[in-house]
């Protein structure tokens, strides 16, 4: 992708993110009652769709469950390119991080030897410079767009499910989008009560995310697996507890979403060898730390050398690429050649 297209996509992406943030703020401050924006803008239409599926299509409350599955599937299919790219970018960043580890280890060793706060701050700057010079993101490929798109939908679905237990024909609802009939209150989906928590749905939803987490652990570089062994359980446990304390209707949303996430992860696992081969061919590690320590000389402390590098790097950016040496760097360099006083 050319720089012009990349810049244009980044601009469009930022505009979408700002629009979604603004929408979520409007929904939050609009409240989650029948007079609130969440219900008026999205929630009542979801209830209308559930009611149509239950009354006209399936002639039973099973239609409500199928309606939730369809809503979730449509959302996930729309998000599929974005979420798959997020997982792909996360894998790429993890592979690059593994290749950068020898460089990072040298700077981490310098951090241990740093004696002043100023040196530590300079070494942190040098650490960021290693990421920057090698074009590696410290965020690990996290994509906030997919999360922001889901927030209004989750809020609206939660509101629709919560309020549909008390929707009456006399309520002031758009008649084109709602007809009285099968409501969530008392509804079942193949024997599972949708209006109260379901252990079965919570467990299945959590298992899908366990599977996704195990695949992510398998795809992670060897050096990062120990750190991830605890973190991989955060998502499944969170989904389980959220589902078990909410109605099964909302748990069904997370169950179907977990199925899609598991499929995405499995596809990525299959294409990972080709992705790794491509990274090894195209990604060349810039030995920033090695060059720094080599120039410093054996008599200069590593922390002092990294500090000088960090200061010089900041000034290089300010000077539009021209190399400059700070007073601190010059003094430190001068100390290398001074003869000790007798």
Protein backbone atom coordinates (compact mmCIF):
# COMPACT_ATOMS: atom_id res chain seq x y z
CA UNK A 1 0.00 0.00 0.00
CA UNK A 2 1.36 3.41 -0.99
CA UNK A 3 2.01 6.15 1.55
CA UNK A 4 -0.86 8.23 0.14
CA UNK A 5 -3.35 5.37 0.51
CA UNK A 6 -2.01 4.55 3.97
CA UNK A 7 -2.41 8.17 5.09
CA UNK A 8 -5.92 8.34 3.66
CA UNK A 9 -6.93 5.10 5.42
CA UNK A 10 -5.49 6.37 8.70
CA UNK A 11 -7.50 9.61 8.33
CA UNK A 12 -10.72 7.70 7.57
CA UNK A 13 -10.04 5.35 10.48
CA UNK A 14 -9.56 8.26 12.90
CA UNK A 15 -12.80 9.87 11.71
CA UNK A 16 -14.69 6.59 12.23
CA UNK A 17 -13.20 6.21 15.72
CA UNK A 18 -14.16 9.80 16.69
CA UNK A 19 -17.69 9.25 15.31
CA UNK A 20 -18.10 6.02 17.29
CA UNK A 21 -16.81 7.66 20.47
CA UNK A 22 -19.30 10.51 19.97
CA UNK A 23 -22.12 7.99 19.38
CA UNK A 24 -21.24 6.04 22.51
CA UNK A 25 -21.13 9.24 24.59
CA UNK A 26 -24.58 10.22 23.27
CA UNK A 27 -25.95 6.78 24.09
CA UNK A 28 -24.44 6.70 27.58
CA UNK A 29 -25.69 10.15 28.55
CA UNK A 30 -29.05 9.44 26.90
CA UNK A 31 -29.79 6.75 29.47
CA UNK A 32 -30.91 3.15 29.14
CA UNK A 33 -34.65 3.54 29.72
CA UNK A 34 -37.46 3.49 27.15
CA UNK A 35 -37.08 7.23 26.75
CA UNK A 36 -33.29 6.96 26.33
CA UNK A 37 -31.39 7.21 23.04
CA UNK A 38 -30.13 3.62 23.19
CA UNK A 39 -33.67 2.26 23.17
CA UNK A 40 -35.07 4.85 20.77
CA UNK A 41 -32.25 4.62 18.21
CA UNK A 42 -31.35 0.92 18.26
CA UNK A 43 -32.96 -1.11 21.05
CA UNK A 44 -36.60 -1.00 19.97
CA UNK A 45 -35.68 -2.11 16.44
CA UNK A 46 -33.87 -5.12 17.87
CA UNK A 47 -36.96 -6.01 19.92
CA UNK A 48 -39.10 -5.59 16.81
CA UNK A 49 -36.83 -7.99 14.91
CA UNK A 50 -36.96 -10.52 17.76
CA UNK A 51 -40.74 -10.25 17.89
CA UNK A 52 -41.04 -10.76 14.11
CA UNK A 53 -38.78 -13.84 14.24
CA UNK A 54 -40.77 -15.29 17.16
CA UNK A 55 -44.29 -14.56 15.87
CA UNK A 56 -44.08 -14.65 12.09
CA UNK A 57 -41.11 -16.88 11.26
CA UNK A 58 -40.76 -19.58 13.94
CA UNK A 59 -44.11 -19.20 15.69
CA UNK A 60 -42.34 -19.83 19.01
CA UNK A 61 -39.94 -18.11 21.36
CA UNK A 62 -37.09 -20.00 19.68
CA UNK A 63 -37.24 -17.16 17.16
CA UNK A 64 -35.89 -14.76 19.79
CA UNK A 65 -32.77 -16.87 20.21
CA UNK A 66 -32.33 -17.16 16.45
CA UNK A 67 -32.80 -13.39 16.14
CA UNK A 68 -29.97 -12.81 18.64
CA UNK A 69 -27.77 -15.27 16.73
CA UNK A 70 -28.50 -13.49 13.44
CA UNK A 71 -27.81 -10.05 14.95
CA UNK A 72 -24.52 -11.29 16.40
CA UNK A 73 -23.51 -13.05 13.17
CA UNK A 74 -24.17 -9.93 11.08
CA UNK A 75 -22.12 -7.79 13.48
CA UNK A 76 -19.26 -10.30 13.48
CA UNK A 77 -19.26 -10.64 9.70
CA UNK A 78 -19.06 -6.86 9.37
CA UNK A 79 -16.22 -6.81 11.89
CA UNK A 80 -14.48 -9.89 10.47
CA UNK A 81 -11.96 -8.04 8.24
CA UNK A 82 -11.09 -5.59 11.03
CA UNK A 83 -10.80 -8.22 13.78
CA UNK A 84 -8.88 -10.66 11.60
CA UNK A 85 -6.45 -7.88 10.65
CA UNK A 86 -6.09 -7.06 14.36
CA UNK A 87 -5.15 -10.66 15.16
CA UNK A 88 -2.82 -10.78 12.16
CA UNK A 89 -1.08 -7.55 13.19
CA UNK A 90 -0.78 -8.85 16.74
CA UNK A 91 0.97 -11.98 15.44
CA UNK A 92 3.31 -9.90 13.27
CA UNK A 93 4.21 -7.62 16.18
CA UNK A 94 4.83 -10.63 18.45
CA UNK A 95 7.22 -12.15 15.90
CA UNK A 96 9.05 -8.86 15.50
CA UNK A 97 9.28 -8.45 19.27
CA UNK A 98 10.89 -11.90 19.52
CA UNK A 99 13.48 -10.88 16.91
CA UNK A 100 14.13 -7.64 18.81
CA UNK A 101 14.60 -9.36 22.16
CA UNK A 102 18.43 -9.53 22.02
CA UNK A 103 18.52 -5.76 21.48
CA UNK A 104 16.03 -5.11 24.26
CA UNK A 105 17.96 -7.36 26.65
CA UNK A 106 21.09 -5.23 26.23
CA UNK A 107 19.20 -2.04 27.10
CA UNK A 108 17.44 -3.77 30.01
CA UNK A 109 20.85 -4.75 31.32
CA UNK A 110 21.92 -1.10 31.04
CA UNK A 111 18.80 -0.15 33.01
CA UNK A 112 19.90 -2.38 35.89
CA UNK A 113 23.23 -0.56 36.02
CA UNK A 114 21.70 2.94 35.87
CA UNK A 115 22.29 4.86 39.08
CA UNK A 116 20.30 8.08 38.58
CA UNK A 117 16.72 8.86 37.62
CA UNK A 118 17.97 10.87 34.65
CA UNK A 119 19.85 7.87 33.30
CA UNK A 120 16.78 5.65 33.75
CA UNK A 121 14.59 8.12 31.85
CA UNK A 122 17.19 8.30 29.09
CA UNK A 123 17.34 4.51 28.88
CA UNK A 124 13.54 4.36 28.62
CA UNK A 125 13.79 6.81 25.73
CA UNK A 126 16.41 4.56 24.15
CA UNK A 127 14.10 1.58 24.58
CA UNK A 128 11.34 3.41 22.73
CA UNK A 129 13.88 4.39 20.08
CA UNK A 130 14.64 0.71 19.46
CA UNK A 131 10.92 0.07 18.85
CA UNK A 132 10.60 3.19 16.71
CA UNK A 133 13.71 2.57 14.58
CA UNK A 134 12.52 -0.98 13.90
CA UNK A 135 8.91 0.10 13.27
CA UNK A 136 7.53 -2.16 16.01
CA UNK A 137 4.42 -1.18 17.96
CA UNK A 138 4.47 -1.50 21.74
CA UNK A 139 0.67 -1.91 21.62
CA UNK A 140 1.01 -5.32 19.99
CA UNK A 141 -1.42 -4.68 17.13
CA UNK A 142 -4.39 -3.72 19.31
CA UNK A 143 -7.24 -2.33 17.22
CA UNK A 144 -9.62 -0.05 19.11
CA UNK A 145 -11.94 0.28 16.11
CA UNK A 146 -13.41 -3.23 16.51
CA UNK A 147 -14.05 -2.60 20.21
CA UNK A 148 -15.71 0.76 19.58
CA UNK A 149 -18.00 -0.68 16.91
CA UNK A 150 -19.23 -3.35 19.31
CA UNK A 151 -19.92 -1.06 22.27
CA UNK A 152 -23.11 0.59 20.92
CA UNK A 153 -24.41 -2.82 19.76
CA UNK A 154 -23.75 -4.46 23.13
CA UNK A 155 -25.36 -1.50 24.93
CA UNK A 156 -28.39 -1.62 22.65
CA UNK A 157 -28.76 -5.40 22.91
CA UNK A 158 -28.45 -5.22 26.70
CA UNK A 159 -31.10 -2.49 26.80
CA UNK A 160 -33.39 -4.37 24.41
CA UNK A 161 -33.12 -7.56 26.44
CA UNK A 162 -33.61 -5.79 29.78
CA UNK A 163 -36.56 -3.66 28.65
CA UNK A 164 -38.24 -6.33 26.52
CA UNK A 165 -39.25 -8.14 29.71
CA UNK A 166 -41.64 -5.28 30.48
CA UNK A 167 -42.69 -4.11 27.00
CA UNK A 168 -46.48 -3.79 26.73
CA UNK A 169 -48.69 -3.15 23.76
CA UNK A 170 -49.72 0.14 25.35
CA UNK A 171 -46.14 1.41 25.47
CA UNK A 172 -45.27 4.29 23.17
CA UNK A 173 -43.34 2.26 20.59
CA UNK A 174 -43.16 2.66 16.85
CA UNK A 175 -45.83 0.20 15.61
CA UNK A 176 -43.81 -0.46 12.45
CA UNK A 177 -40.99 -1.92 14.51
CA UNK A 178 -42.86 -3.68 17.30
CA UNK A 179 -45.97 -5.80 17.67
CA UNK A 180 -47.18 -7.33 20.90
CA UNK A 181 -46.64 -11.07 21.13
CA UNK A 182 -43.74 -13.24 22.23
CA UNK A 183 -41.58 -11.23 24.62
CA UNK A 184 -38.34 -12.15 26.32
CA UNK A 185 -40.16 -12.54 29.63
CA UNK A 186 -40.89 -16.26 29.76
CA UNK A 187 -39.12 -16.98 26.45
CA UNK A 188 -37.05 -20.14 25.95
CA UNK A 189 -34.53 -21.19 23.34
CA UNK A 190 -34.59 -24.99 22.99
CA UNK A 191 -35.42 -25.36 26.67
CA UNK A 192 -33.01 -22.66 27.93
CA UNK A 193 -34.72 -19.72 29.64
CA UNK A 194 -33.53 -16.56 27.89
CA UNK A 195 -34.77 -14.21 30.60
CA UNK A 196 -32.42 -15.51 33.32
CA UNK A 197 -28.75 -16.61 33.51
CA UNK A 198 -27.83 -19.95 31.98
CA UNK A 199 -24.84 -21.95 33.21
CA UNK A 200 -24.79 -23.96 29.97
CA UNK A 201 -24.49 -20.89 27.74
CA UNK A 202 -21.91 -19.28 30.07
CA UNK A 203 -19.73 -22.42 30.04
CA UNK A 204 -19.92 -22.86 26.25
CA UNK A 205 -19.12 -19.18 25.67
CA UNK A 206 -16.13 -19.42 28.03
CA UNK A 207 -14.91 -22.62 26.32
CA UNK A 208 -14.87 -20.89 22.94
CA UNK A 209 -12.65 -18.16 24.40
CA UNK A 210 -10.47 -20.78 26.11
CA UNK A 211 -9.93 -22.37 22.70
CA UNK A 212 -9.07 -18.99 21.19
CA UNK A 213 -6.65 -18.26 24.05
CA UNK A 214 -4.91 -21.63 23.64
CA UNK A 215 -4.44 -20.99 19.93
CA UNK A 216 -3.02 -17.54 20.73
CA UNK A 217 -0.60 -19.14 23.19
CA UNK A 218 0.45 -21.68 20.57
CA UNK A 219 1.11 -18.90 18.06
CA UNK A 220 3.13 -16.80 20.51
CA UNK A 221 6.95 -16.90 20.30
CA UNK A 222 8.59 -19.25 22.80
CA UNK A 223 10.07 -16.38 24.83
CA UNK A 224 6.62 -14.83 25.42
CA UNK A 225 4.65 -17.97 26.31
CA UNK A 226 5.54 -17.96 30.00
CA UNK A 227 4.29 -14.39 30.36
CA UNK A 228 1.06 -15.24 28.51
CA UNK A 229 0.17 -18.39 30.47
CA UNK A 230 -1.65 -16.35 33.11
CA UNK A 231 -3.05 -13.63 30.84
CA UNK A 232 -4.80 -16.05 28.48
CA UNK A 233 -7.33 -16.90 31.21
CA UNK A 234 -8.47 -13.28 31.68
CA UNK A 235 -10.78 -13.24 28.66
CA UNK A 236 -12.51 -16.63 29.26
CA UNK A 237 -13.03 -15.91 32.96
CA UNK A 238 -14.41 -12.43 32.22
CA UNK A 239 -16.82 -13.79 29.61
CA UNK A 240 -17.96 -16.56 31.96
CA UNK A 241 -18.73 -14.26 34.90
CA UNK A 242 -20.37 -11.63 32.70
CA UNK A 243 -22.57 -14.29 31.08
CA UNK A 244 -23.48 -16.03 34.34
CA UNK A 245 -24.65 -12.78 35.96
CA UNK A 246 -26.68 -11.63 32.94
CA UNK A 247 -29.61 -13.17 31.12
CA UNK A 248 -28.98 -16.08 28.76
CA UNK A 249 -30.08 -13.86 25.87
CA UNK A 250 -27.03 -11.64 26.36
CA UNK A 251 -24.87 -14.68 27.08
CA UNK A 252 -25.94 -16.01 23.68
CA UNK A 253 -24.38 -12.92 22.08
CA UNK A 254 -21.02 -13.71 23.69
CA UNK A 255 -21.32 -17.40 22.79
CA UNK A 256 -21.80 -16.68 19.08
CA UNK A 257 -19.12 -13.99 19.20
CA UNK A 258 -16.71 -16.46 20.81
CA UNK A 259 -17.39 -18.96 18.01
CA UNK A 260 -16.40 -16.38 15.39
CA UNK A 261 -13.27 -15.41 17.33
CA UNK A 262 -12.27 -19.09 17.58
CA UNK A 263 -12.67 -19.57 13.82
CA UNK A 264 -10.59 -16.43 13.13
CA UNK A 265 -7.82 -17.69 15.39
CA UNK A 266 -7.85 -21.13 13.75
CA UNK A 267 -7.51 -19.59 10.27
CA UNK A 268 -4.62 -17.44 11.51
CA UNK A 269 -2.94 -20.52 12.99
CA UNK A 270 -3.04 -22.18 9.58
CA UNK A 271 -1.51 -19.23 7.72
CA UNK A 272 1.03 -18.44 10.47
CA UNK A 273 3.96 -20.40 8.94
CA UNK A 274 3.73 -18.36 5.73
CA UNK A 275 3.38 -15.19 7.79
CA UNK A 276 6.51 -16.06 9.79
CA UNK A 277 8.47 -16.78 6.63
CA UNK A 278 7.44 -13.44 5.17
CA UNK A 279 8.47 -11.58 8.34
CA UNK A 280 11.89 -13.25 8.41
CA UNK A 281 12.48 -12.26 4.78
CA UNK A 282 11.25 -8.69 5.01
CA UNK A 283 12.02 -7.62 8.58
CA UNK A 284 15.62 -6.65 9.25
CA UNK A 285 16.51 -5.80 12.83
CA UNK A 286 18.38 -2.53 13.14
CA UNK A 287 21.06 -3.18 15.71
CA UNK A 288 20.54 0.10 17.52
CA UNK A 289 21.71 -1.16 20.90
CA UNK A 290 24.68 -3.05 19.42
CA UNK A 291 25.84 0.01 17.47
CA UNK A 292 25.47 2.14 20.57
CA UNK A 293 27.46 -0.15 22.83
CA UNK A 294 30.13 -0.67 20.15
CA UNK A 295 30.67 3.09 19.76
CA UNK A 296 30.69 3.64 23.49
CA UNK A 297 33.91 1.71 24.05
CA UNK A 298 34.74 -0.72 26.77
CA UNK A 299 35.51 1.93 29.39
CA UNK A 300 32.12 3.68 29.23
CA UNK A 301 29.28 2.36 31.40
CA UNK A 302 26.40 0.93 29.38
CA UNK A 303 23.85 3.14 31.12
CA UNK A 304 25.90 6.25 30.30
CA UNK A 305 26.27 5.15 26.70
CA UNK A 306 22.54 4.58 26.28
CA UNK A 307 21.87 7.93 27.92
CA UNK A 308 24.11 9.66 25.40
CA UNK A 309 22.43 7.79 22.56
CA UNK A 310 18.95 8.77 23.74
CA UNK A 311 19.88 12.44 23.98
CA UNK A 312 21.52 12.39 20.56
CA UNK A 313 18.52 10.62 19.06
CA UNK A 314 16.13 13.32 20.28
CA UNK A 315 18.33 16.05 18.85
CA UNK A 316 18.65 14.16 15.55
CA UNK A 317 14.86 14.29 15.20
CA UNK A 318 14.76 17.98 15.98
CA UNK A 319 17.47 18.62 13.46
CA UNK A 320 15.52 16.96 10.62
CA UNK A 321 17.89 14.06 10.33
CA UNK A 322 21.17 15.92 10.80
CA UNK A 323 23.42 14.49 13.46
CA UNK A 324 23.91 16.66 16.50
CA UNK A 325 25.61 16.06 19.79
CA UNK A 326 24.18 17.48 22.96
CA UNK A 327 26.31 19.19 25.53
CA UNK A 328 25.76 16.21 27.80
CA UNK A 329 26.81 13.83 25.06
CA UNK A 330 29.88 15.93 24.27
CA UNK A 331 30.89 16.10 27.91
CA UNK A 332 30.42 12.35 28.28
CA UNK A 333 32.42 11.77 25.10
CA UNK A 334 35.13 14.13 26.35
CA UNK A 335 35.42 12.21 29.57
CA UNK A 336 36.48 9.20 27.52
CA UNK A 337 39.70 10.96 26.42
CA UNK A 338 40.60 12.86 29.58
CA UNK A 339 43.56 11.61 31.49
CA UNK A 340 42.79 10.92 35.10
CA UNK A 341 44.13 13.43 37.59
CA UNK A 342 47.06 12.23 39.66
